[in-house]
Amino acid sequence: MRPIDYRRASSFDDAAAGQIIAGGTNLLDLMKIEVMTPDTVVDITRLDGLSTIEAEDDGLRIGALVTNTMLANDARVRAGWPLLSRAILAGASAQIRNKATTGGNLLQRTRCPYFYDTSQACNKRSPGEGCAARGGAGRMLALFGTSDQCLAAHPSDMAVALAALQAEVEIRGAEGRRRRVPIHDFYRGPGDRPDIETVLDRGDLITAVVLPRPLEGARQTYRKVRDRASYAFALVSVAGSVTMDGETMSDVSLAYGSVAPHPWMDHDVVAMLEGERPSDALFQRAADRLVPDSAPHPDTDYKRTLLRRTFIATLRQLTGLGDATGTDIARTHG
């Protein structure tokens, strides 16, 4: 049994003293199997100002300690950003949502089996060790943004929704200064250091996620494809928001989950759709642009077809070309 030092932070500066713990829904699992082995864990759950959802201008500021349950059930979120509520509810069990926090959800680690198996080489767990996934089973790995060092995919549903909603992450630095980073810039690609997953520096603490003003009349949905109907990580997911300006699409925003080391976005695909009249032919061309010609691992080649079909189905649903039966769609209310 590995000894650890547990501390309870009484100030923001205390958080820099070790590995931060809040809900612990991912960290404790990783500590039990010694994938993460911090000498000190620092409990931040008593820090002030991190557990509330507050209006900010015409948007919302969501504290880093707000639980997934509280966030998904908030009436303002359900009315103005229903995509976020649906993505969270498509995730873990109610018990986990009651403990999991907004900040922790953004920082959860990959579910690549080789990351979890300490007998296997993993550059994300131990830089320079190698990547056992390259010669092993790879059904849950990524399609985009991989490197020679790592093929792992990010598992979060919530982060994909936040990317489509163009949220920002508020970060408090070691000297007390706060900055905001668009969520699509918050994550780093694996490169040659897959263990460094975000732009957080030593001493940084996520304090909030900030949602911009909701777009009046925007149609939002989150479509998740998984092995079973509940409590399973996505094989592919698509978060989308579209406003129909007469017969044409505007304010198109799309993000894709479980296909990259972070929520994936493709601005060229959005540019193809913006201002255009929806049609199956257009969606097929956009899918051609989105889906790669090959997969970085043979076991993930099926995701190319799955992503194409999920992408087209999501757009048909959002624009009224398809039947929304059995999936979630909502309109925002300003």
C-alpha atoms as a PDB file:
ATOM      1  CA  MET A   1       0.000   0.000   0.000  1.00  0.00           C
ATOM      2  CA  ARG A   2       1.438   3.364  -1.053  1.00  0.00           C
ATOM      3  CA  PRO A   3       1.258   6.090   1.637  1.00  0.00           C
ATOM      4  CA  ILE A   4      -0.064   9.536   0.690  1.00  0.00           C
ATOM      5  CA  ASP A   5      -0.382  12.868   2.425  1.00  0.00           C
ATOM      6  CA  TYR A   6      -3.932  14.299   2.421  1.00  0.00           C
ATOM      7  CA  ARG A   7      -4.392  18.035   2.856  1.00  0.00           C
ATOM      8  CA  ARG A   8      -7.450  20.266   2.789  1.00  0.00           C
ATOM      9  CA  ALA A   9      -6.896  23.569   0.987  1.00  0.00           C
ATOM     10  CA  SER A  10      -7.897  26.650   2.966  1.00  0.00           C
ATOM     11  CA  SER A  11      -6.847  29.064   0.199  1.00  0.00           C
ATOM     12  CA  PHE A  12      -6.329  28.994  -3.547  1.00  0.00           C
ATOM     13  CA  ASP A  13      -2.570  29.088  -3.036  1.00  0.00           C
ATOM     14  CA  ASP A  14      -2.768  25.817  -1.077  1.00  0.00           C
ATOM     15  CA  ALA A  15      -3.976  24.016  -4.213  1.00  0.00           C
ATOM     16  CA  ALA A  16      -0.455  24.103  -5.655  1.00  0.00           C
ATOM     17  CA  ALA A  17       0.840  21.849  -2.862  1.00  0.00           C
ATOM     18  CA  GLY A  18      -0.040  18.577  -4.584  1.00  0.00           C
ATOM     19  CA  GLN A  19      -2.459  16.680  -6.795  1.00  0.00           C
ATOM     20  CA  ILE A  20      -5.868  18.357  -6.650  1.00  0.00           C
ATOM     21  CA  ILE A  21      -8.849  16.215  -5.679  1.00  0.00           C
ATOM     22  CA  ALA A  22     -12.513  17.257  -5.774  1.00  0.00           C
ATOM     23  CA  GLY A  23     -15.116  14.613  -6.629  1.00  0.00           C
ATOM     24  CA  GLY A  24     -12.374  12.050  -7.152  1.00  0.00           C
ATOM     25  CA  THR A  25     -14.424   9.932  -9.566  1.00  0.00           C
ATOM     26  CA  ASN A  26     -11.465   9.414 -11.933  1.00  0.00           C
ATOM     27  CA  LEU A  27      -8.446  10.158  -9.753  1.00  0.00           C
ATOM     28  CA  LEU A  28      -9.266   7.619  -7.045  1.00  0.00           C
ATOM     29  CA  ASP A  29      -9.741   4.856  -9.614  1.00  0.00           C
ATOM     30  CA  LEU A  30      -6.336   5.655 -11.123  1.00  0.00           C
ATOM     31  CA  MET A  31      -4.669   5.771  -7.711  1.00  0.00           C
ATOM     32  CA  LYS A  32      -6.063   2.349  -6.795  1.00  0.00           C
ATOM     33  CA  ILE A  33      -4.341   0.743  -9.772  1.00  0.00           C
ATOM     34  CA  GLU A  34      -1.238   2.950  -9.395  1.00  0.00           C
ATOM     35  CA  VAL A  35      -1.564   4.654 -12.744  1.00  0.00           C
ATOM     36  CA  MET A  36      -1.393   7.939 -10.840  1.00  0.00           C
ATOM     37  CA  THR A  37       0.735   7.910  -7.695  1.00  0.00           C
ATOM     38  CA  PRO A  38       0.733  11.377  -6.103  1.00  0.00           C
ATOM     39  CA  ASP A  39       2.601  11.817  -2.839  1.00  0.00           C
ATOM     40  CA  THR A  40       0.147  14.525  -1.751  1.00  0.00           C
ATOM     41  CA  VAL A  41      -3.509  15.102  -2.602  1.00  0.00           C
ATOM     42  CA  VAL A  42      -5.100  18.473  -1.889  1.00  0.00           C
ATOM     43  CA  ASP A  43      -8.858  18.632  -1.298  1.00  0.00           C
ATOM     44  CA  ILE A  44     -10.265  21.873  -2.780  1.00  0.00           C
ATOM     45  CA  THR A  45     -13.927  21.228  -2.017  1.00  0.00           C
ATOM     46  CA  ARG A  46     -14.033  23.822   0.792  1.00  0.00           C
ATOM     47  CA  LEU A  47     -12.747  26.724  -1.317  1.00  0.00           C
ATOM     48  CA  ASP A  48     -15.212  29.575  -1.716  1.00  0.00           C
ATOM     49  CA  GLY A  49     -16.726  30.657  -5.006  1.00  0.00           C
ATOM     50  CA  LEU A  50     -16.300  27.414  -6.938  1.00  0.00           C
ATOM     51  CA  SER A  51     -19.667  25.735  -6.334  1.00  0.00           C
ATOM     52  CA  THR A  52     -22.179  28.163  -7.862  1.00  0.00           C
ATOM     53  CA  ILE A  53     -23.714  28.885 -11.255  1.00  0.00           C
ATOM     54  CA  GLU A  54     -24.043  32.625 -11.795  1.00  0.00           C
ATOM     55  CA  ALA A  55     -25.284  34.860 -14.593  1.00  0.00           C
ATOM     56  CA  GLU A  56     -22.501  36.791 -16.293  1.00  0.00           C
ATOM     57  CA  ASP A  57     -23.562  39.373 -18.870  1.00  0.00           C
ATOM     58  CA  ASP A  58     -25.933  37.273 -20.993  1.00  0.00           C
ATOM     59  CA  GLY A  59     -24.091  34.016 -20.325  1.00  0.00           C
ATOM     60  CA  LEU A  60     -23.301  31.794 -17.347  1.00  0.00           C
ATOM     61  CA  ARG A  61     -20.255  31.336 -15.144  1.00  0.00           C
ATOM     62  CA  ILE A  62     -20.149  27.750 -13.873  1.00  0.00           C
ATOM     63  CA  GLY A  63     -17.900  27.140 -10.874  1.00  0.00           C
ATOM     64  CA  ALA A  64     -15.342  24.364 -11.182  1.00  0.00           C
ATOM     65  CA  LEU A  65     -16.881  22.454  -8.251  1.00  0.00           C
ATOM     66  CA  VAL A  66     -20.433  22.506  -9.608  1.00  0.00           C
ATOM     67  CA  THR A  67     -21.472  18.869  -9.857  1.00  0.00           C
ATOM     68  CA  ASN A  68     -22.595  17.309 -13.110  1.00  0.00           C
ATOM     69  CA  THR A  69     -26.034  16.724 -11.590  1.00  0.00           C
ATOM     70  CA  MET A  70     -26.438  20.353 -10.553  1.00  0.00           C
ATOM     71  CA  LEU A  71     -25.292  21.596 -13.956  1.00  0.00           C
ATOM     72  CA  ALA A  72     -27.460  19.256 -16.028  1.00  0.00           C
ATOM     73  CA  ASN A  73     -30.566  20.080 -13.986  1.00  0.00           C
ATOM     74  CA  ASP A  74     -30.122  23.858 -13.830  1.00  0.00           C
ATOM     75  CA  ALA A  75     -33.178  25.517 -15.399  1.00  0.00           C
ATOM     76  CA  ARG A  76     -31.065  28.173 -17.122  1.00  0.00           C
ATOM     77  CA  VAL A  77     -28.830  25.545 -18.711  1.00  0.00           C
ATOM     78  CA  ARG A  78     -31.788  23.473 -19.885  1.00  0.00           C
ATOM     79  CA  ALA A  79     -33.389  26.557 -21.493  1.00  0.00           C
ATOM     80  CA  GLY A  80     -30.398  28.309 -23.028  1.00  0.00           C
ATOM     81  CA  TRP A  81     -27.810  25.558 -23.504  1.00  0.00           C
ATOM     82  CA  PRO A  82     -29.812  22.286 -23.635  1.00  0.00           C
ATOM     83  CA  LEU A  83     -27.007  20.617 -25.559  1.00  0.00           C
ATOM     84  CA  LEU A  84     -24.867  20.721 -22.423  1.00  0.00           C
ATOM     85  CA  SER A  85     -27.545  19.188 -20.227  1.00  0.00           C
ATOM     86  CA  ARG A  86     -28.127  16.364 -22.708  1.00  0.00           C
ATOM     87  CA  ALA A  87     -24.435  15.572 -23.043  1.00  0.00           C
ATOM     88  CA  ILE A  88     -23.989  15.308 -19.267  1.00  0.00           C
ATOM     89  CA  LEU A  89     -27.052  13.091 -18.874  1.00  0.00           C
ATOM     90  CA  ALA A  90     -25.724  10.853 -21.649  1.00  0.00           C
ATOM     91  CA  GLY A  91     -22.629  10.239 -19.569  1.00  0.00           C
ATOM     92  CA  ALA A  92     -22.121   8.381 -16.323  1.00  0.00           C
ATOM     93  CA  SER A  93     -24.548   7.045 -13.762  1.00  0.00           C
ATOM     94  CA  ALA A  94     -26.539   9.324 -11.464  1.00  0.00           C
ATOM     95  CA  GLN A  95     -24.283   8.371  -8.557  1.00  0.00           C
ATOM     96  CA  ILE A  96     -21.172   9.479 -10.423  1.00  0.00           C
ATOM     97  CA  ARG A  97     -22.849  12.668 -11.681  1.00  0.00           C
ATOM     98  CA  ASN A  98     -23.663  13.544  -8.069  1.00  0.00           C
ATOM     99  CA  LYS A  99     -19.927  13.606  -7.257  1.00  0.00           C
ATOM    100  CA  ALA A 100     -18.209  14.493 -10.534  1.00  0.00           C
ATOM    101  CA  THR A 101     -17.349  18.169 -10.930  1.00  0.00           C
ATOM    102  CA  THR A 102     -17.192  20.535 -13.879  1.00  0.00           C
ATOM    103  CA  GLY A 103     -13.443  21.055 -13.593  1.00  0.00           C
ATOM    104  CA  GLY A 104     -12.747  17.396 -12.993  1.00  0.00           C
ATOM    105  CA  ASN A 105     -14.779  16.358 -16.024  1.00  0.00           C
ATOM    106  CA  LEU A 106     -12.555  18.465 -18.275  1.00  0.00           C
ATOM    107  CA  LEU A 107      -9.452  16.844 -16.805  1.00  0.00           C
ATOM    108  CA  GLN A 108     -10.524  13.196 -16.823  1.00  0.00           C
ATOM    109  CA  ARG A 109      -7.978  10.866 -18.350  1.00  0.00           C
ATOM    110  CA  THR A 110      -8.245   8.648 -21.393  1.00  0.00           C
ATOM    111  CA  ARG A 111      -9.853   5.206 -21.224  1.00  0.00           C
ATOM    112  CA  CYS A 112      -7.202   3.634 -23.480  1.00  0.00           C
ATOM    113  CA  PRO A 113      -6.699   0.147 -21.953  1.00  0.00           C
ATOM    114  CA  TYR A 114      -2.914   0.418 -22.194  1.00  0.00           C
ATOM    115  CA  PHE A 115      -2.931   3.596 -20.115  1.00  0.00           C
ATOM    116  CA  TYR A 116      -4.735   1.648 -17.388  1.00  0.00           C
ATOM    117  CA  ASP A 117      -2.479  -1.421 -17.586  1.00  0.00           C
ATOM    118  CA  THR A 118       0.802  -0.647 -15.843  1.00  0.00           C
ATOM    119  CA  SER A 119       2.397  -3.777 -17.323  1.00  0.00           C
ATOM    120  CA  GLN A 120       2.099  -2.227 -20.795  1.00  0.00           C
ATOM    121  CA  ALA A 121       4.136   0.584 -22.349  1.00  0.00           C
ATOM    122  CA  CYS A 122       2.345   3.949 -22.385  1.00  0.00           C
ATOM    123  CA  ASN A 123       3.874   7.317 -23.199  1.00  0.00           C
ATOM    124  CA  LYS A 124       0.912   9.130 -21.640  1.00  0.00           C
ATOM    125  CA  ARG A 125       1.513   7.378 -18.326  1.00  0.00           C
ATOM    126  CA  SER A 126       5.333   7.224 -18.555  1.00  0.00           C
ATOM    127  CA  PRO A 127       6.885   9.492 -21.225  1.00  0.00           C
ATOM    128  CA  GLY A 128       9.428   7.732 -23.418  1.00  0.00           C
ATOM    129  CA  GLU A 129       8.213   4.240 -22.509  1.00  0.00           C
ATOM    130  CA  GLY A 130       6.523   3.527 -25.841  1.00  0.00           C
ATOM    131  CA  CYS A 131       2.937   2.955 -27.001  1.00  0.00           C
ATOM    132  CA  ALA A 132       1.629  -0.595 -26.656  1.00  0.00           C
ATOM    133  CA  ALA A 133      -1.599   0.419 -28.407  1.00  0.00           C
ATOM    134  CA  ARG A 134       0.217   0.625 -31.741  1.00  0.00           C
ATOM    135  CA  GLY A 135       0.616  -3.130 -31.854  1.00  0.00           C
ATOM    136  CA  GLY A 136      -2.395  -4.037 -29.762  1.00  0.00           C
ATOM    137  CA  ALA A 137      -6.155  -3.729 -29.650  1.00  0.00           C
ATOM    138  CA  GLY A 138      -7.338  -0.264 -30.636  1.00  0.00           C
ATOM    139  CA  ARG A 139     -11.117  -0.160 -30.907  1.00  0.00           C
ATOM    140  CA  MET A 140     -11.479   2.881 -28.588  1.00  0.00           C
ATOM    141  CA  LEU A 141      -8.583   4.902 -30.005  1.00  0.00           C
ATOM    142  CA  ALA A 142      -8.621   8.179 -31.941  1.00  0.00           C
ATOM    143  CA  LEU A 143      -9.003   9.065 -35.615  1.00  0.00           C
ATOM    144  CA  PHE A 144      -7.653  12.618 -35.512  1.00  0.00           C
ATOM    145  CA  GLY A 145      -4.854  14.508 -33.823  1.00  0.00           C
ATOM    146  CA  THR A 146      -2.713  11.504 -32.921  1.00  0.00           C
ATOM    147  CA  SER A 147       1.062  11.311 -32.970  1.00  0.00           C
ATOM    148  CA  ASP A 148       3.732   8.635 -33.145  1.00  0.00           C
ATOM    149  CA  GLN A 149       3.755   8.738 -29.344  1.00  0.00           C
ATOM    150  CA  CYS A 150       0.041   8.288 -28.581  1.00  0.00           C
ATOM    151  CA  LEU A 151      -3.251   7.225 -30.191  1.00  0.00           C
ATOM    152  CA  ALA A 152      -5.537   7.739 -27.184  1.00  0.00           C
ATOM    153  CA  ALA A 153      -8.931   9.486 -27.362  1.00  0.00           C
ATOM    154  CA  HIS A 154     -10.450  11.872 -24.809  1.00  0.00           C
ATOM    155  CA  PRO A 155     -13.531  10.356 -23.102  1.00  0.00           C
ATOM    156  CA  SER A 156     -15.584  13.385 -21.948  1.00  0.00           C
ATOM    157  CA  ASP A 157     -19.133  14.007 -23.187  1.00  0.00           C
ATOM    158  CA  MET A 158     -19.386  17.351 -21.414  1.00  0.00           C
ATOM    159  CA  ALA A 159     -16.214  18.761 -22.980  1.00  0.00           C
ATOM    160  CA  VAL A 160     -17.528  18.027 -26.476  1.00  0.00           C
ATOM    161  CA  ALA A 161     -20.732  19.932 -25.733  1.00  0.00           C
ATOM    162  CA  LEU A 162     -18.764  22.854 -24.288  1.00  0.00           C
ATOM    163  CA  ALA A 163     -16.626  22.991 -27.424  1.00  0.00           C
ATOM    164  CA  ALA A 164     -19.708  23.204 -29.651  1.00  0.00           C
ATOM    165  CA  LEU A 165     -21.071  25.937 -27.372  1.00  0.00           C
ATOM    166  CA  GLN A 166     -17.767  27.851 -27.636  1.00  0.00           C
ATOM    167  CA  ALA A 167     -17.246  27.969 -23.883  1.00  0.00           C
ATOM    168  CA  GLU A 168     -14.168  29.323 -22.150  1.00  0.00           C
ATOM    169  CA  VAL A 169     -12.178  27.851 -19.263  1.00  0.00           C
ATOM    170  CA  GLU A 170     -11.315  30.289 -16.472  1.00  0.00           C
ATOM    171  CA  ILE A 171      -7.932  29.570 -14.883  1.00  0.00           C
ATOM    172  CA  ARG A 172      -6.335  31.030 -11.781  1.00  0.00           C
ATOM    173  CA  GLY A 173      -2.558  31.140 -12.021  1.00  0.00           C
ATOM    174  CA  ALA A 174      -0.047  30.603  -9.240  1.00  0.00           C
ATOM    175  CA  GLU A 175       0.230  34.375  -8.666  1.00  0.00           C
ATOM    176  CA  GLY A 176      -3.524  34.846  -8.446  1.00  0.00           C
ATOM    177  CA  ARG A 177      -4.041  36.195 -11.942  1.00  0.00           C
ATOM    178  CA  ARG A 178      -7.013  34.838 -13.857  1.00  0.00           C
ATOM    179  CA  ARG A 179      -7.188  34.180 -17.552  1.00  0.00           C
ATOM    180  CA  ARG A 180      -9.778  32.683 -19.871  1.00  0.00           C
ATOM    181  CA  VAL A 181      -8.947  30.189 -22.579  1.00  0.00           C
ATOM    182  CA  PRO A 182     -11.384  29.021 -25.301  1.00  0.00           C
ATOM    183  CA  ILE A 183     -11.980  25.356 -24.658  1.00  0.00           C
ATOM    184  CA  HIS A 184     -10.707  24.399 -28.128  1.00  0.00           C
ATOM    185  CA  ASP A 185      -7.342  25.959 -27.082  1.00  0.00           C
ATOM    186  CA  PHE A 186      -7.379  24.454 -23.577  1.00  0.00           C
ATOM    187  CA  TYR A 187      -6.272  20.986 -24.687  1.00  0.00           C
ATOM    188  CA  ARG A 188      -2.900  20.106 -26.212  1.00  0.00           C
ATOM    189  CA  GLY A 189      -2.323  17.489 -28.872  1.00  0.00           C
ATOM    190  CA  PRO A 190      -0.079  14.582 -27.838  1.00  0.00           C
ATOM    191  CA  GLY A 191       2.962  15.518 -29.940  1.00  0.00           C
ATOM    192  CA  ASP A 192       6.046  14.055 -28.302  1.00  0.00           C
ATOM    193  CA  ARG A 193       4.677  14.620 -24.756  1.00  0.00           C
ATOM    194  CA  PRO A 194       1.256  12.970 -24.538  1.00  0.00           C
ATOM    195  CA  ASP A 195       1.416  13.171 -20.752  1.00  0.00           C
ATOM    196  CA  ILE A 196       0.933  16.971 -20.988  1.00  0.00           C
ATOM    197  CA  GLU A 197      -2.739  17.181 -21.943  1.00  0.00           C
ATOM    198  CA  THR A 198      -3.738  20.827 -21.315  1.00  0.00           C
ATOM    199  CA  VAL A 199      -2.297  24.338 -21.175  1.00  0.00           C
ATOM    200  CA  LEU A 200      -2.383  24.299 -17.363  1.00  0.00           C
ATOM    201  CA  ASP A 201       0.929  25.281 -15.784  1.00  0.00           C
ATOM    202  CA  ARG A 202       2.196  24.307 -12.356  1.00  0.00           C
ATOM    203  CA  GLY A 203       0.059  26.067  -9.762  1.00  0.00           C
ATOM    204  CA  ASP A 204      -2.843  26.680 -12.164  1.00  0.00           C
ATOM    205  CA  LEU A 205      -6.365  25.885 -10.999  1.00  0.00           C
ATOM    206  CA  ILE A 206      -9.543  25.735 -13.077  1.00  0.00           C
ATOM    207  CA  THR A 207     -11.999  28.051 -11.335  1.00  0.00           C
ATOM    208  CA  ALA A 208     -14.928  28.104 -13.770  1.00  0.00           C
ATOM    209  CA  VAL A 209     -16.315  27.410 -17.208  1.00  0.00           C
ATOM    210  CA  VAL A 210     -17.989  30.369 -18.912  1.00  0.00           C
ATOM    211  CA  LEU A 211     -20.808  29.968 -21.423  1.00  0.00           C
ATOM    212  CA  PRO A 212     -21.462  32.781 -23.910  1.00  0.00           C
ATOM    213  CA  ARG A 213     -24.890  34.234 -24.569  1.00  0.00           C
ATOM    214  CA  PRO A 214     -27.264  31.605 -26.009  1.00  0.00           C
ATOM    215  CA  LEU A 215     -28.368  32.161 -29.589  1.00  0.00           C
ATOM    216  CA  GLU A 216     -32.094  32.800 -29.880  1.00  0.00           C
ATOM    217  CA  GLY A 217     -33.820  29.939 -31.669  1.00  0.00           C
ATOM    218  CA  ALA A 218     -30.671  27.845 -32.132  1.00  0.00           C
ATOM    219  CA  ARG A 219     -31.335  24.134 -32.545  1.00  0.00           C
ATOM    220  CA  GLN A 220     -29.052  22.009 -30.388  1.00  0.00           C
ATOM    221  CA  THR A 221     -28.454  18.312 -30.048  1.00  0.00           C
ATOM    222  CA  TYR A 222     -25.973  15.767 -28.744  1.00  0.00           C
ATOM    223  CA  ARG A 223     -25.824  12.418 -30.504  1.00  0.00           C
ATOM    224  CA  LYS A 224     -23.817   9.669 -28.839  1.00  0.00           C
ATOM    225  CA  VAL A 225     -23.135   6.238 -30.311  1.00  0.00           C
ATOM    226  CA  ARG A 226     -22.042   3.594 -27.811  1.00  0.00           C
ATOM    227  CA  ASP A 227     -21.990  -0.135 -27.235  1.00  0.00           C
ATOM    228  CA  ARG A 228     -24.949  -0.125 -24.857  1.00  0.00           C
ATOM    229  CA  ALA A 229     -27.751   2.280 -24.054  1.00  0.00           C
ATOM    230  CA  SER A 230     -26.405   3.587 -20.753  1.00  0.00           C
ATOM    231  CA  TYR A 231     -23.234   4.107 -18.733  1.00  0.00           C
ATOM    232  CA  ALA A 232     -20.886   3.532 -21.658  1.00  0.00           C
ATOM    233  CA  PHE A 233     -18.243   5.774 -23.169  1.00  0.00           C
ATOM    234  CA  ALA A 234     -18.901   6.992 -26.679  1.00  0.00           C
ATOM    235  CA  LEU A 235     -17.506   5.278 -29.724  1.00  0.00           C
ATOM    236  CA  VAL A 236     -18.341   8.469 -31.632  1.00  0.00           C
ATOM    237  CA  SER A 237     -20.335  11.522 -30.599  1.00  0.00           C
ATOM    238  CA  VAL A 238     -21.404  14.750 -32.310  1.00  0.00           C
ATOM    239  CA  ALA A 239     -22.484  17.944 -30.545  1.00  0.00           C
ATOM    240  CA  GLY A 240     -24.210  20.445 -32.804  1.00  0.00           C
ATOM    241  CA  SER A 241     -25.864  23.840 -32.776  1.00  0.00           C
ATOM    242  CA  VAL A 242     -27.468  25.398 -35.875  1.00  0.00           C
ATOM    243  CA  THR A 243     -29.773  28.341 -36.460  1.00  0.00           C
ATOM    244  CA  MET A 244     -32.069  28.173 -39.477  1.00  0.00           C
ATOM    245  CA  ASP A 245     -32.183  31.597 -41.142  1.00  0.00           C
ATOM    246  CA  GLY A 246     -35.140  30.998 -43.414  1.00  0.00           C
ATOM    247  CA  GLU A 247     -34.049  28.042 -45.519  1.00  0.00           C
ATOM    248  CA  THR A 248     -30.316  28.421 -44.903  1.00  0.00           C
ATOM    249  CA  MET A 249     -28.040  27.478 -42.024  1.00  0.00           C
ATOM    250  CA  SER A 250     -26.252  30.035 -39.870  1.00  0.00           C
ATOM    251  CA  ASP A 251     -24.241  30.054 -36.641  1.00  0.00           C
ATOM    252  CA  VAL A 252     -23.184  26.462 -37.321  1.00  0.00           C
ATOM    253  CA  SER A 253     -21.064  24.939 -34.557  1.00  0.00           C
ATOM    254  CA  LEU A 254     -20.050  21.274 -34.418  1.00  0.00           C
ATOM    255  CA  ALA A 255     -17.742  19.268 -32.181  1.00  0.00           C
ATOM    256  CA  TYR A 256     -16.868  15.576 -32.223  1.00  0.00           C
ATOM    257  CA  GLY A 257     -16.090  13.263 -29.316  1.00  0.00           C
ATOM    258  CA  SER A 258     -14.113  10.048 -28.782  1.00  0.00           C
ATOM    259  CA  VAL A 259     -12.296  10.536 -32.089  1.00  0.00           C
ATOM    260  CA  ALA A 260      -9.328  12.653 -30.931  1.00  0.00           C
ATOM    261  CA  PRO A 261      -7.158  13.358 -27.864  1.00  0.00           C
ATOM    262  CA  HIS A 262      -9.525  16.276 -27.152  1.00  0.00           C
ATOM    263  CA  PRO A 263     -12.898  17.501 -28.441  1.00  0.00           C
ATOM    264  CA  TRP A 264     -12.377  17.759 -32.196  1.00  0.00           C
ATOM    265  CA  MET A 265     -13.535  20.627 -34.398  1.00  0.00           C
ATOM    266  CA  ASP A 266     -13.149  21.220 -38.141  1.00  0.00           C
ATOM    267  CA  HIS A 267     -13.633  24.837 -39.196  1.00  0.00           C
ATOM    268  CA  ASP A 268     -13.479  23.980 -42.915  1.00  0.00           C
ATOM    269  CA  VAL A 269     -16.529  21.743 -42.521  1.00  0.00           C
ATOM    270  CA  VAL A 270     -18.416  24.547 -40.749  1.00  0.00           C
ATOM    271  CA  ALA A 271     -17.468  26.949 -43.564  1.00  0.00           C
ATOM    272  CA  MET A 272     -18.943  24.512 -46.096  1.00  0.00           C
ATOM    273  CA  LEU A 273     -22.276  24.520 -44.255  1.00  0.00           C
ATOM    274  CA  GLU A 274     -22.591  28.150 -43.202  1.00  0.00           C
ATOM    275  CA  GLY A 275     -25.128  30.090 -45.288  1.00  0.00           C
ATOM    276  CA  GLU A 276     -26.097  27.037 -47.330  1.00  0.00           C
ATOM    277  CA  ARG A 277     -29.434  25.362 -47.782  1.00  0.00           C
ATOM    278  CA  PRO A 278     -29.440  21.922 -46.121  1.00  0.00           C
ATOM    279  CA  SER A 279     -29.446  18.915 -48.420  1.00  0.00           C
ATOM    280  CA  ASP A 280     -28.246  15.334 -48.323  1.00  0.00           C
ATOM    281  CA  ALA A 281     -25.796  16.089 -51.134  1.00  0.00           C
ATOM    282  CA  LEU A 282     -24.258  18.946 -49.144  1.00  0.00           C
ATOM    283  CA  PHE A 283     -24.011  16.824 -46.026  1.00  0.00           C
ATOM    284  CA  GLN A 284     -22.309  14.030 -47.962  1.00  0.00           C
ATOM    285  CA  ARG A 285     -19.706  16.487 -49.305  1.00  0.00           C
ATOM    286  CA  ALA A 286     -19.129  17.877 -45.818  1.00  0.00           C
ATOM    287  CA  ALA A 287     -18.698  14.328 -44.501  1.00  0.00           C
ATOM    288  CA  ASP A 288     -16.111  13.689 -47.210  1.00  0.00           C
ATOM    289  CA  ARG A 289     -14.172  16.682 -45.885  1.00  0.00           C
ATOM    290  CA  LEU A 290     -14.511  15.656 -42.250  1.00  0.00           C
ATOM    291  CA  VAL A 291     -13.742  11.936 -42.333  1.00  0.00           C
ATOM    292  CA  PRO A 292     -10.072  10.984 -42.862  1.00  0.00           C
ATOM    293  CA  ASP A 293      -9.061   8.725 -45.734  1.00  0.00           C
ATOM    294  CA  SER A 294      -7.540   6.225 -43.315  1.00  0.00           C
ATOM    295  CA  ALA A 295      -7.356   5.472 -39.609  1.00  0.00           C
ATOM    296  CA  PRO A 296      -4.117   5.613 -37.592  1.00  0.00           C
ATOM    297  CA  HIS A 297      -4.915   2.148 -36.194  1.00  0.00           C
ATOM    298  CA  PRO A 298      -6.652  -0.649 -38.141  1.00  0.00           C
ATOM    299  CA  ASP A 299      -9.061  -1.332 -35.276  1.00  0.00           C
ATOM    300  CA  THR A 300     -10.492   2.186 -35.494  1.00  0.00           C
ATOM    301  CA  ASP A 301     -11.209   2.086 -39.221  1.00  0.00           C
ATOM    302  CA  TYR A 302     -14.863   1.383 -38.369  1.00  0.00           C
ATOM    303  CA  LYS A 303     -15.047   4.831 -36.766  1.00  0.00           C
ATOM    304  CA  ARG A 304     -14.656   6.428 -40.189  1.00  0.00           C
ATOM    305  CA  THR A 305     -18.009   4.990 -41.287  1.00  0.00           C
ATOM    306  CA  LEU A 306     -19.566   5.546 -37.889  1.00  0.00           C
ATOM    307  CA  LEU A 307     -18.496   9.194 -37.753  1.00  0.00           C
ATOM    308  CA  ARG A 308     -19.799   9.820 -41.277  1.00  0.00           C
ATOM    309  CA  ARG A 309     -23.212   8.382 -40.490  1.00  0.00           C
ATOM    310  CA  THR A 310     -23.473  10.111 -37.113  1.00  0.00           C
ATOM    311  CA  PHE A 311     -22.417  13.451 -38.600  1.00  0.00           C
ATOM    312  CA  ILE A 312     -25.017  13.260 -41.391  1.00  0.00           C
ATOM    313  CA  ALA A 313     -27.755  12.055 -39.048  1.00  0.00           C
ATOM    314  CA  THR A 314     -27.028  14.928 -36.656  1.00  0.00           C
ATOM    315  CA  LEU A 315     -27.218  17.534 -39.417  1.00  0.00           C
ATOM    316  CA  ARG A 316     -30.413  16.047 -40.838  1.00  0.00           C
ATOM    317  CA  GLN A 317     -31.929  16.173 -37.380  1.00  0.00           C
ATOM    318  CA  LEU A 318     -30.834  19.752 -36.678  1.00  0.00           C
ATOM    319  CA  THR A 319     -32.064  21.099 -40.000  1.00  0.00           C
ATOM    320  CA  GLY A 320     -35.341  19.183 -40.167  1.00  0.00           C
ATOM    321  CA  LEU A 321     -34.394  16.856 -43.008  1.00  0.00           C
ATOM    322  CA  GLY A 322     -34.564  13.774 -40.812  1.00  0.00           C
ATOM    323  CA  ASP A 323     -36.775  12.232 -38.171  1.00  0.00           C
ATOM    324  CA  ALA A 324     -35.598  13.132 -34.669  1.00  0.00           C
ATOM    325  CA  THR A 325     -37.367  10.146 -33.102  1.00  0.00           C
ATOM    326  CA  GLY A 326     -35.274   8.531 -30.412  1.00  0.00           C
ATOM    327  CA  THR A 327     -32.706  11.340 -30.184  1.00  0.00           C
ATOM    328  CA  ASP A 328     -32.461  14.593 -28.315  1.00  0.00           C
ATOM    329  CA  ILE A 329     -33.090  17.984 -29.917  1.00  0.00           C
ATOM    330  CA  ALA A 330     -34.024  21.274 -28.342  1.00  0.00           C
ATOM    331  CA  ARG A 331     -34.286  24.934 -29.187  1.00  0.00           C
ATOM    332  CA  THR A 332     -32.810  27.632 -27.018  1.00  0.00           C
ATOM    333  CA  HIS A 333     -34.977  30.261 -25.422  1.00  0.00           C
ATOM    334  CA  GLY A 334     -33.319  33.667 -25.175  1.00  0.00           C
END
